[in-house]
Amino acid sequence: MDERYYLYDETVDAKVRFVSFMGHNERFDLAIIQTDRYYGKYLVLNLLSDRFAIIGEDDLKEPGYLEHAFQLSDENAKELREFLYEIV
């Protein structure tokens, strides 16, 4: 077997928050991970859809970002965006 070439292999401390809430049309089960990586942004995983994104306040302001990253309708993305503004 060829030798593996690692770009990095580190263990870091992380703060993880698990949140489940029901929007008007969709349930959100999220794992929100905060570490010293990603320039202060959060790693947000939607456990129901197997989709994730690295999100900061600038990303929440970018039109279509959540809709694309989580494959959400405009209405569902608005609900997720409103929640994420509370924690970011």
C-alpha atoms as a PDB file:
ATOM      1  CA  MET A   1       0.000   0.000   0.000  1.00  0.00           C
ATOM      2  CA  ASP A   2       1.254   3.477  -0.833  1.00  0.00           C
ATOM      3  CA  GLU A   3       2.054   5.826   1.985  1.00  0.00           C
ATOM      4  CA  ARG A   4      -0.871   8.086   2.921  1.00  0.00           C
ATOM      5  CA  TYR A   5      -0.307  11.827   2.484  1.00  0.00           C
ATOM      6  CA  TYR A   6      -2.150  13.764   5.213  1.00  0.00           C
ATOM      7  CA  LEU A   7      -2.984  17.420   4.786  1.00  0.00           C
ATOM      8  CA  TYR A   8      -3.736  17.504   8.495  1.00  0.00           C
ATOM      9  CA  ASP A   9      -4.754  15.095  11.242  1.00  0.00           C
ATOM     10  CA  GLU A  10      -5.651  16.927  14.420  1.00  0.00           C
ATOM     11  CA  THR A  11      -7.936  16.432  17.391  1.00  0.00           C
ATOM     12  CA  VAL A  12      -9.659  19.562  18.674  1.00  0.00           C
ATOM     13  CA  ASP A  13     -12.047  20.436  21.462  1.00  0.00           C
ATOM     14  CA  ALA A  14     -15.517  21.293  20.227  1.00  0.00           C
ATOM     15  CA  LYS A  15     -18.760  22.584  21.653  1.00  0.00           C
ATOM     16  CA  VAL A  16     -21.741  20.724  20.161  1.00  0.00           C
ATOM     17  CA  ARG A  17     -25.366  21.747  20.467  1.00  0.00           C
ATOM     18  CA  PHE A  18     -28.194  19.476  19.339  1.00  0.00           C
ATOM     19  CA  VAL A  19     -31.424  21.290  18.504  1.00  0.00           C
ATOM     20  CA  SER A  20     -34.722  19.995  17.178  1.00  0.00           C
ATOM     21  CA  PHE A  21     -37.572  22.307  16.251  1.00  0.00           C
ATOM     22  CA  MET A  22     -40.632  22.227  14.067  1.00  0.00           C
ATOM     23  CA  GLY A  23     -41.139  24.945  11.506  1.00  0.00           C
ATOM     24  CA  HIS A  24     -44.409  25.570   9.683  1.00  0.00           C
ATOM     25  CA  ASN A  25     -43.668  22.903   7.066  1.00  0.00           C
ATOM     26  CA  GLU A  26     -40.532  21.069   8.111  1.00  0.00           C
ATOM     27  CA  ARG A  27     -38.817  19.634  11.153  1.00  0.00           C
ATOM     28  CA  PHE A  28     -35.187  20.563  11.746  1.00  0.00           C
ATOM     29  CA  ASP A  29     -32.846  18.271  13.694  1.00  0.00           C
ATOM     30  CA  LEU A  30     -29.524  20.070  13.839  1.00  0.00           C
ATOM     31  CA  ALA A  31     -26.080  19.468  15.254  1.00  0.00           C
ATOM     32  CA  ILE A  32     -24.264  22.790  15.613  1.00  0.00           C
ATOM     33  CA  ILE A  33     -20.536  22.449  16.129  1.00  0.00           C
ATOM     34  CA  GLN A  34     -18.275  25.261  17.296  1.00  0.00           C
ATOM     35  CA  THR A  35     -14.490  24.905  17.231  1.00  0.00           C
ATOM     36  CA  ASP A  36     -11.508  27.175  16.769  1.00  0.00           C
ATOM     37  CA  ARG A  37     -11.541  26.256  13.071  1.00  0.00           C
ATOM     38  CA  TYR A  38     -13.475  27.870  10.226  1.00  0.00           C
ATOM     39  CA  TYR A  39     -12.665  31.437  11.287  1.00  0.00           C
ATOM     40  CA  GLY A  40     -15.323  31.554  14.006  1.00  0.00           C
ATOM     41  CA  LYS A  41     -18.055  30.043  11.857  1.00  0.00           C
ATOM     42  CA  TYR A  42     -20.232  27.118  12.866  1.00  0.00           C
ATOM     43  CA  LEU A  43     -20.495  23.711  11.256  1.00  0.00           C
ATOM     44  CA  VAL A  44     -24.254  23.113  10.985  1.00  0.00           C
ATOM     45  CA  LEU A  45     -25.469  19.607  10.188  1.00  0.00           C
ATOM     46  CA  ASN A  46     -29.070  18.800   9.346  1.00  0.00           C
ATOM     47  CA  LEU A  47     -29.346  15.259  10.665  1.00  0.00           C
ATOM     48  CA  LEU A  48     -32.564  14.526   8.764  1.00  0.00           C
ATOM     49  CA  SER A  49     -31.302  15.441   5.305  1.00  0.00           C
ATOM     50  CA  ASP A  50     -27.608  14.511   5.682  1.00  0.00           C
ATOM     51  CA  ARG A  51     -26.612  18.015   4.528  1.00  0.00           C
ATOM     52  CA  PHE A  52     -24.266  20.442   6.218  1.00  0.00           C
ATOM     53  CA  ALA A  53     -22.686  23.852   5.789  1.00  0.00           C
ATOM     54  CA  ILE A  54     -20.119  26.080   7.441  1.00  0.00           C
ATOM     55  CA  ILE A  55     -22.100  29.126   8.478  1.00  0.00           C
ATOM     56  CA  GLY A  56     -21.292  32.560   9.801  1.00  0.00           C
ATOM     57  CA  GLU A  57     -23.278  35.767   9.865  1.00  0.00           C
ATOM     58  CA  ASP A  58     -22.005  36.697   6.399  1.00  0.00           C
ATOM     59  CA  ASP A  59     -23.359  33.426   4.992  1.00  0.00           C
ATOM     60  CA  LEU A  60     -26.799  34.062   6.482  1.00  0.00           C
ATOM     61  CA  LYS A  61     -26.918  37.377   4.630  1.00  0.00           C
ATOM     62  CA  GLU A  62     -25.982  35.793   1.291  1.00  0.00           C
ATOM     63  CA  PRO A  63     -29.113  35.256  -0.819  1.00  0.00           C
ATOM     64  CA  GLY A  64     -29.774  31.610  -1.634  1.00  0.00           C
ATOM     65  CA  TYR A  65     -26.985  30.202   0.555  1.00  0.00           C
ATOM     66  CA  LEU A  66     -29.155  28.179   2.942  1.00  0.00           C
ATOM     67  CA  GLU A  67     -31.577  27.254   0.194  1.00  0.00           C
ATOM     68  CA  HIS A  68     -28.735  25.717  -1.807  1.00  0.00           C
ATOM     69  CA  ALA A  69     -26.709  24.217   1.051  1.00  0.00           C
ATOM     70  CA  PHE A  70     -29.666  22.487   2.703  1.00  0.00           C
ATOM     71  CA  GLN A  71     -31.894  22.102  -0.399  1.00  0.00           C
ATOM     72  CA  LEU A  72     -34.719  24.092   1.225  1.00  0.00           C
ATOM     73  CA  SER A  73     -37.622  26.087  -0.109  1.00  0.00           C
ATOM     74  CA  ASP A  74     -37.500  29.841   0.439  1.00  0.00           C
ATOM     75  CA  GLU A  75     -40.010  29.578   3.296  1.00  0.00           C
ATOM     76  CA  ASN A  76     -38.163  26.778   5.102  1.00  0.00           C
ATOM     77  CA  ALA A  77     -34.812  28.490   4.610  1.00  0.00           C
ATOM     78  CA  LYS A  78     -36.274  31.664   6.131  1.00  0.00           C
ATOM     79  CA  GLU A  79     -37.249  29.728   9.275  1.00  0.00           C
ATOM     80  CA  LEU A  80     -33.802  28.155   9.542  1.00  0.00           C
ATOM     81  CA  ARG A  81     -32.140  31.527   8.909  1.00  0.00           C
ATOM     82  CA  GLU A  82     -34.166  33.174  11.680  1.00  0.00           C
ATOM     83  CA  PHE A  83     -33.092  30.459  14.116  1.00  0.00           C
ATOM     84  CA  LEU A  84     -29.435  30.594  13.103  1.00  0.00           C
ATOM     85  CA  TYR A  85     -29.325  34.392  13.524  1.00  0.00           C
ATOM     86  CA  GLU A  86     -30.076  33.752  17.217  1.00  0.00           C
ATOM     87  CA  ILE A  87     -26.918  31.690  17.687  1.00  0.00           C
ATOM     88  CA  VAL A  88     -24.412  33.062  15.169  1.00  0.00           C
END
